[in-house]
C-alpha atoms as a PDB file:
ATOM      1  CA  MET A   1      10.249   2.199 -41.713  1.00  0.00           C
ATOM      2  CA  SER A   2       9.666   1.886 -38.396  1.00  0.00           C
ATOM      3  CA  ASP A   3       7.934   4.466 -35.869  1.00  0.00           C
ATOM      4  CA  SER A   4      11.187   5.130 -34.292  1.00  0.00           C
ATOM      5  CA  GLU A   5      12.024   6.713 -38.138  1.00  0.00           C
ATOM      6  CA  TYR A   6       8.986   8.578 -38.207  1.00  0.00           C
ATOM      7  CA  ILE A   7       9.195  10.202 -35.053  1.00  0.00           C
ATOM      8  CA  ASP A   8      12.338  11.224 -35.594  1.00  0.00           C
ATOM      9  CA  ILE A   9      11.395  13.112 -38.961  1.00  0.00           C
ATOM     10  CA  ALA A  10       8.587  14.839 -36.934  1.00  0.00           C
ATOM     11  CA  ILE A  11      11.100  16.180 -34.428  1.00  0.00           C
ATOM     12  CA  GLU A  12      13.432  17.142 -37.146  1.00  0.00           C
ATOM     13  CA  ILE A  13      10.942  19.090 -38.497  1.00  0.00           C
ATOM     14  CA  SER A  14      10.075  20.558 -35.286  1.00  0.00           C
ATOM     15  CA  LYS A  15      13.805  21.842 -35.421  1.00  0.00           C
ATOM     16  CA  ARG A  16      13.317  23.893 -38.614  1.00  0.00           C
ATOM     17  CA  ALA A  17       9.514  24.862 -37.977  1.00  0.00           C
ATOM     18  CA  LYS A  18       8.769  28.560 -36.603  1.00  0.00           C
ATOM     19  CA  TYR A  19       7.494  26.992 -33.322  1.00  0.00           C
ATOM     20  CA  PRO A  20       9.137  23.791 -32.214  1.00  0.00           C
ATOM     21  CA  TYR A  21       6.328  21.508 -33.023  1.00  0.00           C
ATOM     22  CA  GLY A  22       6.499  18.958 -36.306  1.00  0.00           C
ATOM     23  CA  ALA A  23       4.324  16.397 -37.678  1.00  0.00           C
ATOM     24  CA  ILE A  24       4.008  14.275 -40.450  1.00  0.00           C
ATOM     25  CA  ILE A  25       1.152  11.320 -41.487  1.00  0.00           C
ATOM     26  CA  VAL A  26       1.629   8.371 -42.786  1.00  0.00           C
ATOM     27  CA  LYS A  27      -0.272   5.904 -44.551  1.00  0.00           C
ATOM     28  CA  ASP A  28       0.594   2.537 -46.368  1.00  0.00           C
ATOM     29  CA  GLY A  29       4.491   2.551 -45.510  1.00  0.00           C
ATOM     30  CA  LYS A  30       4.411   6.049 -47.411  1.00  0.00           C
ATOM     31  CA  ILE A  31       4.402  10.080 -45.819  1.00  0.00           C
ATOM     32  CA  ILE A  32       1.351  11.980 -46.977  1.00  0.00           C
ATOM     33  CA  GLY A  33       1.484  14.720 -45.180  1.00  0.00           C
ATOM     34  CA  ARG A  34       3.852  17.074 -43.635  1.00  0.00           C
ATOM     35  CA  SER A  35       3.668  20.122 -41.397  1.00  0.00           C
ATOM     36  CA  ASP A  36       7.114  21.303 -42.127  1.00  0.00           C
ATOM     37  CA  ASP A  37       7.956  24.809 -41.672  1.00  0.00           C
ATOM     38  CA  ALA A  38       4.119  26.390 -42.003  1.00  0.00           C
ATOM     39  CA  THR A  39       3.411  25.592 -38.474  1.00  0.00           C
ATOM     40  CA  LEU A  40       2.050  28.262 -36.548  1.00  0.00           C
ATOM     41  CA  THR A  41       2.629  31.350 -38.972  1.00  0.00           C
ATOM     42  CA  GLU A  42       1.800  34.434 -37.932  1.00  0.00           C
ATOM     43  CA  ASN A  43      -1.165  34.878 -40.387  1.00  0.00           C
ATOM     44  CA  GLY A  44      -2.793  31.374 -38.501  1.00  0.00           C
ATOM     45  CA  MET A  45      -2.727  30.901 -34.817  1.00  0.00           C
ATOM     46  CA  TYR A  46      -4.779  27.297 -35.172  1.00  0.00           C
ATOM     47  CA  SER A  47      -2.468  26.436 -37.808  1.00  0.00           C
ATOM     48  CA  HIS A  48      -0.815  23.530 -35.576  1.00  0.00           C
ATOM     49  CA  ALA A  49       1.372  21.145 -36.870  1.00  0.00           C
ATOM     50  CA  GLU A  50      -0.593  18.100 -36.633  1.00  0.00           C
ATOM     51  CA  LEU A  51      -3.630  20.443 -38.602  1.00  0.00           C
ATOM     52  CA  GLU A  52      -0.797  21.519 -41.428  1.00  0.00           C
ATOM     53  CA  ALA A  53      -0.119  17.782 -41.523  1.00  0.00           C
ATOM     54  CA  ILE A  54      -3.757  17.096 -41.914  1.00  0.00           C
ATOM     55  CA  GLU A  55      -3.889  19.760 -44.630  1.00  0.00           C
ATOM     56  CA  SER A  56      -1.017  18.401 -46.293  1.00  0.00           C
ATOM     57  CA  ALA A  57      -2.126  14.713 -46.495  1.00  0.00           C
ATOM     58  CA  SER A  58      -5.873  15.873 -47.720  1.00  0.00           C
ATOM     59  CA  SER A  59      -4.627  18.222 -50.271  1.00  0.00           C
ATOM     60  CA  HIS A  60      -4.701  16.101 -53.307  1.00  0.00           C
ATOM     61  CA  LYS A  61      -8.421  14.263 -52.138  1.00  0.00           C
ATOM     62  CA  ASN A  62     -11.647  16.131 -52.811  1.00  0.00           C
ATOM     63  CA  LEU A  63     -12.834  18.054 -49.737  1.00  0.00           C
ATOM     64  CA  TYR A  64     -11.401  15.580 -46.845  1.00  0.00           C
ATOM     65  CA  GLY A  65      -8.473  13.331 -47.260  1.00  0.00           C
ATOM     66  CA  ASP A  66      -8.578   9.545 -46.509  1.00  0.00           C
ATOM     67  CA  LEU A  67      -7.169   9.128 -43.391  1.00  0.00           C
ATOM     68  CA  LYS A  68      -8.661   6.002 -42.081  1.00  0.00           C
ATOM     69  CA  GLY A  69      -5.593   3.646 -41.338  1.00  0.00           C
ATOM     70  CA  ALA A  70      -3.171   6.313 -41.343  1.00  0.00           C
ATOM     71  CA  THR A  71      -0.377   7.280 -38.222  1.00  0.00           C
ATOM     72  CA  LEU A  72       0.276  10.673 -37.181  1.00  0.00           C
ATOM     73  CA  TYR A  73       3.593  11.158 -35.801  1.00  0.00           C
ATOM     74  CA  VAL A  74       4.108  14.017 -34.023  1.00  0.00           C
ATOM     75  CA  SER A  75       6.797  15.923 -32.065  1.00  0.00           C
ATOM     76  CA  CYS A  76       4.470  17.049 -29.121  1.00  0.00           C
ATOM     77  CA  GLU A  77       0.975  15.423 -27.729  1.00  0.00           C
ATOM     78  CA  PRO A  78      -1.771  16.924 -29.425  1.00  0.00           C
ATOM     79  CA  CYS A  79      -4.087  19.567 -28.110  1.00  0.00           C
ATOM     80  CA  MET A  80      -8.156  19.636 -27.793  1.00  0.00           C
ATOM     81  CA  MET A  81      -8.432  21.513 -31.218  1.00  0.00           C
ATOM     82  CA  CYS A  82      -5.785  18.666 -32.930  1.00  0.00           C
ATOM     83  CA  MET A  83      -7.255  15.736 -31.223  1.00  0.00           C
ATOM     84  CA  GLY A  84     -10.754  16.555 -32.853  1.00  0.00           C
ATOM     85  CA  ALA A  85      -9.532  16.860 -36.313  1.00  0.00           C
ATOM     86  CA  ILE A  86      -8.190  13.630 -35.629  1.00  0.00           C
ATOM     87  CA  LEU A  87     -10.910  11.962 -34.648  1.00  0.00           C
ATOM     88  CA  TYR A  88     -13.100  13.854 -37.278  1.00  0.00           C
ATOM     89  CA  GLU A  89     -10.185  12.315 -39.878  1.00  0.00           C
ATOM     90  CA  GLU A  90     -10.443   9.094 -38.447  1.00  0.00           C
ATOM     91  CA  ILE A  91      -6.911   8.218 -38.088  1.00  0.00           C
ATOM     92  CA  SER A  92      -6.071   5.456 -36.808  1.00  0.00           C
ATOM     93  CA  LYS A  93      -2.919   5.808 -34.930  1.00  0.00           C
ATOM     94  CA  VAL A  94      -1.113   8.611 -33.362  1.00  0.00           C
ATOM     95  CA  VAL A  95       2.670   7.945 -31.981  1.00  0.00           C
ATOM     96  CA  TYR A  96       3.593  12.022 -30.043  1.00  0.00           C
ATOM     97  CA  ALA A  97       7.286  12.298 -28.493  1.00  0.00           C
ATOM     98  CA  ALA A  98       6.995  15.478 -25.957  1.00  0.00           C
ATOM     99  CA  THR A  99       3.809  15.887 -23.341  1.00  0.00           C
ATOM    100  CA  LEU A 100       1.511  18.930 -23.346  1.00  0.00           C
ATOM    101  CA  GLN A 101       2.716  19.148 -19.918  1.00  0.00           C
ATOM    102  CA  ASP A 102       6.514  19.682 -21.379  1.00  0.00           C
ATOM    103  CA  SER A 103       5.328  22.367 -24.080  1.00  0.00           C
ATOM    104  CA  ASN A 104       3.343  23.837 -21.012  1.00  0.00           C
ATOM    105  CA  ASP A 105       6.614  24.015 -18.418  1.00  0.00           C
ATOM    106  CA  LEU A 106       9.243  24.584 -21.214  1.00  0.00           C
ATOM    107  CA  TYR A 107       7.747  26.960 -23.566  1.00  0.00           C
ATOM    108  CA  CYS A 108       4.153  28.803 -23.630  1.00  0.00           C
ATOM    109  CA  PRO A 109       0.839  28.302 -21.199  1.00  0.00           C
ATOM    110  CA  GLU A 110      -0.969  24.829 -23.044  1.00  0.00           C
ATOM    111  CA  MET A 111      -4.644  23.750 -21.852  1.00  0.00           C
ATOM    112  CA  ILE A 112      -3.780  19.971 -20.421  1.00  0.00           C
ATOM    113  CA  THR A 113      -6.253  17.438 -21.490  1.00  0.00           C
ATOM    114  CA  ASN A 114      -6.446  13.867 -21.487  1.00  0.00           C
ATOM    115  CA  ILE A 115      -6.345  12.491 -25.052  1.00  0.00           C
ATOM    116  CA  GLU A 116      -6.996   9.416 -24.054  1.00  0.00           C
ATOM    117  CA  GLU A 117     -10.840  10.036 -22.967  1.00  0.00           C
ATOM    118  CA  LEU A 118     -10.828  12.278 -26.097  1.00  0.00           C
ATOM    119  CA  ALA A 119     -10.080   9.267 -27.979  1.00  0.00           C
ATOM    120  CA  LYS A 120     -12.965   7.598 -26.607  1.00  0.00           C
ATOM    121  CA  TYR A 121     -15.122   9.633 -29.012  1.00  0.00           C
ATOM    122  CA  ALA A 122     -13.395   7.935 -31.779  1.00  0.00           C
ATOM    123  CA  LYS A 123     -15.759   6.048 -34.523  1.00  0.00           C
ATOM    124  CA  ASN A 124     -12.692   3.350 -34.418  1.00  0.00           C
ATOM    125  CA  LYS A 125     -10.304   2.935 -31.639  1.00  0.00           C
ATOM    126  CA  ILE A 126      -7.391   5.063 -31.743  1.00  0.00           C
ATOM    127  CA  GLU A 127      -3.962   3.576 -31.097  1.00  0.00           C
ATOM    128  CA  ILE A 128      -2.106   6.253 -28.498  1.00  0.00           C
ATOM    129  CA  VAL A 129       1.725   5.336 -28.657  1.00  0.00           C
ATOM    130  CA  LYS A 130       2.683   7.932 -25.617  1.00  0.00           C
ATOM    131  CA  GLU A 131       6.030   9.733 -25.159  1.00  0.00           C
ATOM    132  CA  PHE A 132       7.911   8.038 -27.838  1.00  0.00           C
ATOM    133  CA  HIS A 133      11.639   9.798 -28.129  1.00  0.00           C
ATOM    134  CA  ARG A 134      10.083  11.983 -25.869  1.00  0.00           C
ATOM    135  CA  ASP A 135      13.697  13.016 -24.580  1.00  0.00           C
ATOM    136  CA  LYS A 136      14.582  14.158 -28.189  1.00  0.00           C
ATOM    137  CA  ALA A 137      11.552  16.132 -28.474  1.00  0.00           C
ATOM    138  CA  VAL A 138      11.763  17.878 -25.030  1.00  0.00           C
ATOM    139  CA  GLU A 139      15.594  19.323 -25.898  1.00  0.00           C
ATOM    140  CA  VAL A 140      13.578  20.877 -28.747  1.00  0.00           C
ATOM    141  CA  ILE A 141      10.866  22.367 -26.677  1.00  0.00           C
ATOM    142  CA  LYS A 142      13.484  23.608 -23.985  1.00  0.00           C
ATOM    143  CA  MET A 143      16.270  25.062 -26.490  1.00  0.00           C
ATOM    144  CA  ARG A 144      13.674  27.188 -28.317  1.00  0.00           C
ATOM    145  CA  GLY A 145      11.832  27.681 -24.870  1.00  0.00           C
ATOM    146  CA  GLU A 146      15.688  29.673 -23.966  1.00  0.00           C
ATOM    147  CA  ASN A 147      15.457  31.473 -26.848  1.00  0.00           C
ATOM    148  CA  HIS A 148      11.505  32.353 -26.789  1.00  0.00           C
ATOM    149  CA  GLU A 149      10.734  36.211 -26.033  1.00  0.00           C
END
């Protein structure tokens, strides 16, 4: 599968999630983690899509997942907290669709950060692909924002 197909899966997940964010983790051509509809449940305000996908990918491992060499596909740019987890797990590539500014403007207040600056703290270089299929993800955020209380 291609980056295009994988980011579309993350965006599809965002359509069904409690909040309009979705993520998957791919390693060696296989989806090993998904956020699915557990994103931001009432019981866990820190359960962002990225963290749910990391938990999912790590669930069959000892304490931490072996995510070096993996790619995270996420419907919205990772926040500072999620970027910390990405760095910690040594994920090699991040592909995101909508920006934090899009989420801020259309759905909820966001702390706008520069993830490329945060990526400089990685043990190994992280490839970042920005705003890939952004229009599709923005449409989901916009639609959900209009119905948001």
